[in-house]
Amino acid sequence: MTQIIDPSMERAAQASEKDDRRKRLREFQSELVERMQAARSSTDATANHLGVLIGNTRWLIDLQEVGEIVPVGAIAKVPLTQSWYLGLFNLRGNLIGVVDFSRYQGLSFTDVDAESRVVTFASRLSLNCGLLVSRILGLRNMAEMTLQSSGTQETEAPIQLFLDLESVRWNRLSLSALVQSPRFLQIGS
């Protein structure tokens, strides 16, 4: 016996599934924002860094240096700029320069998909800028990690390498040091 499927019921089911996914995403983002605010206000915060994936590399960014985490929208290209400077992004009426940090380091471009986000710099850094990240990996506690090495890479900012409890490698990125780098500030080609 063949089953006849009503197309309108199928569309309604697909729309319901989409709504459920959006609701779960909003709940996750709300929870992440609440946890970030709690971590910022606590002096002995356990989760004091945001874990992100840029390209194939895991990075840690101090929550004090993070502004907002937003989905990637339309980015307007700016002519005569470096290849790593993707362009301008409108965030509630404010123009944010978007940087592909992977490309900035001389690696391949970061693919943009449904999990990609723009992590904006905190307002105290006085630079309307954001980094394109492949994925948000959640909050991380630096006290549970072991420093492996420290040095300077292509970013011209100090990079520290850490291992977490599962021996996963993380690079710590200082946005405040990055915004002081003459190379980072020179977006013109």
C-alpha atoms as a PDB file:
ATOM      1  CA  MET A   1       0.000   0.000   0.000  1.00  0.00           C
ATOM      2  CA  THR A   2       1.406   3.373  -0.963  1.00  0.00           C
ATOM      3  CA  GLN A   3       1.134   6.282   1.359  1.00  0.00           C
ATOM      4  CA  ILE A   4       0.012   9.603  -0.053  1.00  0.00           C
ATOM      5  CA  ILE A   5       1.763  12.594   1.489  1.00  0.00           C
ATOM      6  CA  ASP A   6       0.031  15.930   1.479  1.00  0.00           C
ATOM      7  CA  PRO A   7       2.571  18.538   0.206  1.00  0.00           C
ATOM      8  CA  SER A   8       1.179  21.213   2.505  1.00  0.00           C
ATOM      9  CA  MET A   9       1.702  18.944   5.532  1.00  0.00           C
ATOM     10  CA  GLU A  10       5.250  18.211   4.394  1.00  0.00           C
ATOM     11  CA  ARG A  11       6.012  21.953   4.058  1.00  0.00           C
ATOM     12  CA  ALA A  12       4.513  22.561   7.501  1.00  0.00           C
ATOM     13  CA  ALA A  13       6.711  19.827   8.982  1.00  0.00           C
ATOM     14  CA  GLN A  14       9.817  21.312   7.328  1.00  0.00           C
ATOM     15  CA  ALA A  15       8.916  24.794   8.576  1.00  0.00           C
ATOM     16  CA  SER A  16       8.414  23.425  12.094  1.00  0.00           C
ATOM     17  CA  GLU A  17      11.816  21.708  11.955  1.00  0.00           C
ATOM     18  CA  LYS A  18      13.450  24.983  10.828  1.00  0.00           C
ATOM     19  CA  ASP A  19      11.719  26.867  13.640  1.00  0.00           C
ATOM     20  CA  ASP A  20      12.956  24.277  16.150  1.00  0.00           C
ATOM     21  CA  ARG A  21      16.540  24.659  14.896  1.00  0.00           C
ATOM     22  CA  ARG A  22      16.325  28.454  15.095  1.00  0.00           C
ATOM     23  CA  LYS A  23      14.903  28.230  18.609  1.00  0.00           C
ATOM     24  CA  ARG A  24      17.745  25.928  19.735  1.00  0.00           C
ATOM     25  CA  LEU A  25      20.313  28.273  18.155  1.00  0.00           C
ATOM     26  CA  ARG A  26      18.795  31.305  19.896  1.00  0.00           C
ATOM     27  CA  GLU A  27      18.776  29.419  23.218  1.00  0.00           C
ATOM     28  CA  PHE A  28      22.431  28.434  22.742  1.00  0.00           C
ATOM     29  CA  GLN A  29      23.416  32.009  21.870  1.00  0.00           C
ATOM     30  CA  SER A  30      21.465  33.389  24.848  1.00  0.00           C
ATOM     31  CA  GLU A  31      23.101  30.896  27.189  1.00  0.00           C
ATOM     32  CA  LEU A  32      26.531  31.739  25.787  1.00  0.00           C
ATOM     33  CA  VAL A  33      25.915  35.485  26.241  1.00  0.00           C
ATOM     34  CA  GLU A  34      24.755  34.911  29.842  1.00  0.00           C
ATOM     35  CA  ARG A  35      27.819  32.795  30.584  1.00  0.00           C
ATOM     36  CA  MET A  36      30.103  35.390  28.979  1.00  0.00           C
ATOM     37  CA  GLN A  37      28.553  38.192  31.039  1.00  0.00           C
ATOM     38  CA  ALA A  38      28.859  36.126  34.217  1.00  0.00           C
ATOM     39  CA  ALA A  39      32.482  35.339  33.405  1.00  0.00           C
ATOM     40  CA  ARG A  40      33.267  39.002  32.767  1.00  0.00           C
ATOM     41  CA  SER A  41      31.738  40.127  36.051  1.00  0.00           C
ATOM     42  CA  SER A  42      33.356  37.430  38.164  1.00  0.00           C
ATOM     43  CA  THR A  43      36.899  37.992  39.392  1.00  0.00           C
ATOM     44  CA  ASP A  44      37.568  34.274  39.827  1.00  0.00           C
ATOM     45  CA  ALA A  45      35.733  33.156  36.715  1.00  0.00           C
ATOM     46  CA  THR A  46      36.266  29.553  35.793  1.00  0.00           C
ATOM     47  CA  ALA A  47      35.505  30.079  32.108  1.00  0.00           C
ATOM     48  CA  ASN A  48      37.431  33.209  31.208  1.00  0.00           C
ATOM     49  CA  HIS A  49      38.252  32.649  27.534  1.00  0.00           C
ATOM     50  CA  LEU A  50      36.211  32.076  24.416  1.00  0.00           C
ATOM     51  CA  GLY A  51      37.240  29.073  22.355  1.00  0.00           C
ATOM     52  CA  VAL A  52      36.936  29.511  18.595  1.00  0.00           C
ATOM     53  CA  LEU A  53      37.966  27.575  15.528  1.00  0.00           C
ATOM     54  CA  ILE A  54      39.623  29.632  12.793  1.00  0.00           C
ATOM     55  CA  GLY A  55      40.411  27.467   9.800  1.00  0.00           C
ATOM     56  CA  ASN A  56      41.707  24.280  11.423  1.00  0.00           C
ATOM     57  CA  THR A  57      43.272  25.970  14.461  1.00  0.00           C
ATOM     58  CA  ARG A  58      41.759  26.323  17.930  1.00  0.00           C
ATOM     59  CA  TRP A  59      42.125  29.762  19.489  1.00  0.00           C
ATOM     60  CA  LEU A  60      41.435  31.236  22.916  1.00  0.00           C
ATOM     61  CA  ILE A  61      40.366  34.871  23.223  1.00  0.00           C
ATOM     62  CA  ASP A  62      40.070  36.633  26.579  1.00  0.00           C
ATOM     63  CA  LEU A  63      36.410  37.443  27.276  1.00  0.00           C
ATOM     64  CA  GLN A  64      37.428  40.948  28.345  1.00  0.00           C
ATOM     65  CA  GLU A  65      38.481  41.576  24.726  1.00  0.00           C
ATOM     66  CA  VAL A  66      35.349  40.135  23.065  1.00  0.00           C
ATOM     67  CA  GLY A  67      32.432  42.367  22.136  1.00  0.00           C
ATOM     68  CA  GLU A  68      29.706  40.330  20.449  1.00  0.00           C
ATOM     69  CA  ILE A  69      29.348  37.096  18.548  1.00  0.00           C
ATOM     70  CA  VAL A  70      27.107  37.492  15.513  1.00  0.00           C
ATOM     71  CA  PRO A  71      26.181  35.379  12.483  1.00  0.00           C
ATOM     72  CA  VAL A  72      27.963  36.298   9.278  1.00  0.00           C
ATOM     73  CA  GLY A  73      25.800  38.563   7.152  1.00  0.00           C
ATOM     74  CA  ALA A  74      26.492  40.467   3.984  1.00  0.00           C
ATOM     75  CA  ILE A  75      30.056  41.771   3.933  1.00  0.00           C
ATOM     76  CA  ALA A  76      30.663  44.688   1.568  1.00  0.00           C
ATOM     77  CA  LYS A  77      34.027  44.361  -0.133  1.00  0.00           C
ATOM     78  CA  VAL A  78      36.362  47.353   0.059  1.00  0.00           C
ATOM     79  CA  PRO A  79      38.611  47.882  -2.971  1.00  0.00           C
ATOM     80  CA  LEU A  80      42.387  48.141  -2.692  1.00  0.00           C
ATOM     81  CA  THR A  81      42.623  46.299   0.638  1.00  0.00           C
ATOM     82  CA  GLN A  82      44.648  43.324   1.800  1.00  0.00           C
ATOM     83  CA  SER A  83      43.288  39.875   0.897  1.00  0.00           C
ATOM     84  CA  TRP A  84      42.693  39.118   4.585  1.00  0.00           C
ATOM     85  CA  TYR A  85      40.484  42.186   5.027  1.00  0.00           C
ATOM     86  CA  LEU A  86      37.100  40.890   3.889  1.00  0.00           C
ATOM     87  CA  GLY A  87      35.259  44.204   4.038  1.00  0.00           C
ATOM     88  CA  LEU A  88      32.601  45.968   6.103  1.00  0.00           C
ATOM     89  CA  PHE A  89      29.720  44.413   7.991  1.00  0.00           C
ATOM     90  CA  ASN A  90      26.684  46.361   9.241  1.00  0.00           C
ATOM     91  CA  LEU A  91      25.939  45.510  12.864  1.00  0.00           C
ATOM     92  CA  ARG A  92      22.862  47.458  13.970  1.00  0.00           C
ATOM     93  CA  GLY A  93      23.975  50.571  12.124  1.00  0.00           C
ATOM     94  CA  ASN A  94      27.666  50.321  13.071  1.00  0.00           C
ATOM     95  CA  LEU A  95      30.226  49.425  10.420  1.00  0.00           C
ATOM     96  CA  ILE A  96      32.553  46.632  11.522  1.00  0.00           C
ATOM     97  CA  GLY A  97      35.669  45.724   9.559  1.00  0.00           C
ATOM     98  CA  VAL A  98      35.860  41.938   9.129  1.00  0.00           C
ATOM     99  CA  VAL A  99      39.232  40.179   9.077  1.00  0.00           C
ATOM    100  CA  ASP A 100      39.906  36.608   8.011  1.00  0.00           C
ATOM    101  CA  PHE A 101      42.523  35.842  10.655  1.00  0.00           C
ATOM    102  CA  SER A 102      43.533  32.596   8.954  1.00  0.00           C
ATOM    103  CA  ARG A 103      44.354  34.497   5.761  1.00  0.00           C
ATOM    104  CA  TYR A 104      46.059  37.215   7.826  1.00  0.00           C
ATOM    105  CA  GLN A 105      48.476  34.540   9.011  1.00  0.00           C
ATOM    106  CA  GLY A 106      49.212  33.509   5.426  1.00  0.00           C
ATOM    107  CA  LEU A 107      46.997  30.415   5.521  1.00  0.00           C
ATOM    108  CA  SER A 108      43.969  29.583   3.384  1.00  0.00           C
ATOM    109  CA  PHE A 109      40.738  31.572   3.450  1.00  0.00           C
ATOM    110  CA  THR A 110      38.187  30.640   6.116  1.00  0.00           C
ATOM    111  CA  ASP A 111      35.122  28.979   4.610  1.00  0.00           C
ATOM    112  CA  VAL A 112      31.843  30.675   5.506  1.00  0.00           C
ATOM    113  CA  ASP A 113      28.973  28.341   6.374  1.00  0.00           C
ATOM    114  CA  ALA A 114      26.034  28.145   8.797  1.00  0.00           C
ATOM    115  CA  GLU A 115      28.348  27.772  11.830  1.00  0.00           C
ATOM    116  CA  SER A 116      30.616  30.701  10.930  1.00  0.00           C
ATOM    117  CA  ARG A 117      30.471  33.784  13.131  1.00  0.00           C
ATOM    118  CA  VAL A 118      32.034  37.214  13.454  1.00  0.00           C
ATOM    119  CA  VAL A 119      33.582  37.841  16.870  1.00  0.00           C
ATOM    120  CA  THR A 120      33.729  41.594  17.372  1.00  0.00           C
ATOM    121  CA  PHE A 121      36.364  43.359  19.435  1.00  0.00           C
ATOM    122  CA  ALA A 122      35.329  44.840  22.783  1.00  0.00           C
ATOM    123  CA  SER A 123      34.573  48.555  22.642  1.00  0.00           C
ATOM    124  CA  ARG A 124      37.422  49.257  25.065  1.00  0.00           C
ATOM    125  CA  LEU A 125      39.868  48.257  22.296  1.00  0.00           C
ATOM    126  CA  SER A 126      38.617  51.267  20.253  1.00  0.00           C
ATOM    127  CA  LEU A 127      38.590  49.437  16.925  1.00  0.00           C
ATOM    128  CA  ASN A 128      35.362  48.566  15.097  1.00  0.00           C
ATOM    129  CA  CYS A 129      36.606  45.216  13.938  1.00  0.00           C
ATOM    130  CA  GLY A 130      35.708  41.558  14.070  1.00  0.00           C
ATOM    131  CA  LEU A 131      37.354  38.265  13.240  1.00  0.00           C
ATOM    132  CA  LEU A 132      35.707  35.718  10.991  1.00  0.00           C
ATOM    133  CA  VAL A 133      35.678  32.392  12.835  1.00  0.00           C
ATOM    134  CA  SER A 134      34.694  28.989  11.491  1.00  0.00           C
ATOM    135  CA  ARG A 135      32.914  27.976  14.664  1.00  0.00           C
ATOM    136  CA  ILE A 136      32.403  28.938  18.310  1.00  0.00           C
ATOM    137  CA  LEU A 137      33.729  26.199  20.594  1.00  0.00           C
ATOM    138  CA  GLY A 138      32.412  27.626  23.870  1.00  0.00           C
ATOM    139  CA  LEU A 139      33.977  28.986  27.019  1.00  0.00           C
ATOM    140  CA  ARG A 140      37.275  27.647  28.332  1.00  0.00           C
ATOM    141  CA  ASN A 141      39.058  27.834  31.672  1.00  0.00           C
ATOM    142  CA  MET A 142      42.730  28.776  31.350  1.00  0.00           C
ATOM    143  CA  ALA A 143      43.438  27.452  34.850  1.00  0.00           C
ATOM    144  CA  GLU A 144      42.827  23.936  33.511  1.00  0.00           C
ATOM    145  CA  MET A 145      45.370  24.338  30.713  1.00  0.00           C
ATOM    146  CA  THR A 146      49.124  23.941  30.606  1.00  0.00           C
ATOM    147  CA  LEU A 147      51.342  26.513  28.877  1.00  0.00           C
ATOM    148  CA  GLN A 148      53.517  24.766  26.281  1.00  0.00           C
ATOM    149  CA  SER A 149      55.322  27.652  24.566  1.00  0.00           C
ATOM    150  CA  SER A 150      55.231  31.351  24.001  1.00  0.00           C
ATOM    151  CA  GLY A 151      56.429  33.415  21.064  1.00  0.00           C
ATOM    152  CA  THR A 152      55.554  35.668  18.169  1.00  0.00           C
ATOM    153  CA  GLN A 153      54.070  34.428  14.912  1.00  0.00           C
ATOM    154  CA  GLU A 154      52.841  36.121  11.740  1.00  0.00           C
ATOM    155  CA  THR A 155      50.347  38.090  13.818  1.00  0.00           C
ATOM    156  CA  GLU A 156      53.137  40.221  15.322  1.00  0.00           C
ATOM    157  CA  ALA A 157      51.281  39.663  18.591  1.00  0.00           C
ATOM    158  CA  PRO A 158      52.461  37.280  21.289  1.00  0.00           C
ATOM    159  CA  ILE A 159      50.989  33.814  20.793  1.00  0.00           C
ATOM    160  CA  GLN A 160      50.933  31.305  23.610  1.00  0.00           C
ATOM    161  CA  LEU A 161      50.363  27.592  23.038  1.00  0.00           C
ATOM    162  CA  PHE A 162      48.359  25.660  25.634  1.00  0.00           C
ATOM    163  CA  LEU A 163      47.216  22.073  26.078  1.00  0.00           C
ATOM    164  CA  ASP A 164      43.897  21.349  27.759  1.00  0.00           C
ATOM    165  CA  LEU A 165      43.087  18.341  29.980  1.00  0.00           C
ATOM    166  CA  GLU A 166      42.490  16.159  26.890  1.00  0.00           C
ATOM    167  CA  SER A 167      45.851  17.257  25.384  1.00  0.00           C
ATOM    168  CA  VAL A 168      44.101  19.344  22.728  1.00  0.00           C
ATOM    169  CA  ARG A 169      46.265  22.195  21.443  1.00  0.00           C
ATOM    170  CA  TRP A 170      44.986  25.774  21.823  1.00  0.00           C
ATOM    171  CA  ASN A 171      46.605  29.068  20.767  1.00  0.00           C
ATOM    172  CA  ARG A 172      45.876  32.117  22.886  1.00  0.00           C
ATOM    173  CA  LEU A 173      45.345  35.312  20.931  1.00  0.00           C
ATOM    174  CA  SER A 174      45.535  38.762  22.487  1.00  0.00           C
ATOM    175  CA  LEU A 175      43.215  41.104  20.597  1.00  0.00           C
ATOM    176  CA  SER A 176      44.616  44.089  22.493  1.00  0.00           C
ATOM    177  CA  ALA A 177      48.110  43.265  21.204  1.00  0.00           C
ATOM    178  CA  LEU A 178      46.729  42.636  17.720  1.00  0.00           C
ATOM    179  CA  VAL A 179      45.118  46.094  17.490  1.00  0.00           C
ATOM    180  CA  GLN A 180      48.523  47.631  18.239  1.00  0.00           C
ATOM    181  CA  SER A 181      50.204  45.774  15.393  1.00  0.00           C
ATOM    182  CA  PRO A 182      51.077  48.166  12.520  1.00  0.00           C
ATOM    183  CA  ARG A 183      50.583  45.338  10.003  1.00  0.00           C
ATOM    184  CA  PHE A 184      47.065  44.607  11.288  1.00  0.00           C
ATOM    185  CA  LEU A 185      46.113  48.266  11.132  1.00  0.00           C
ATOM    186  CA  GLN A 186      47.407  48.676   7.567  1.00  0.00           C
ATOM    187  CA  ILE A 187      44.531  47.229   5.522  1.00  0.00           C
ATOM    188  CA  GLY A 188      45.453  48.982   2.270  1.00  0.00           C
ATOM    189  CA  SER A 189      47.170  46.875  -0.358  1.00  0.00           C
END
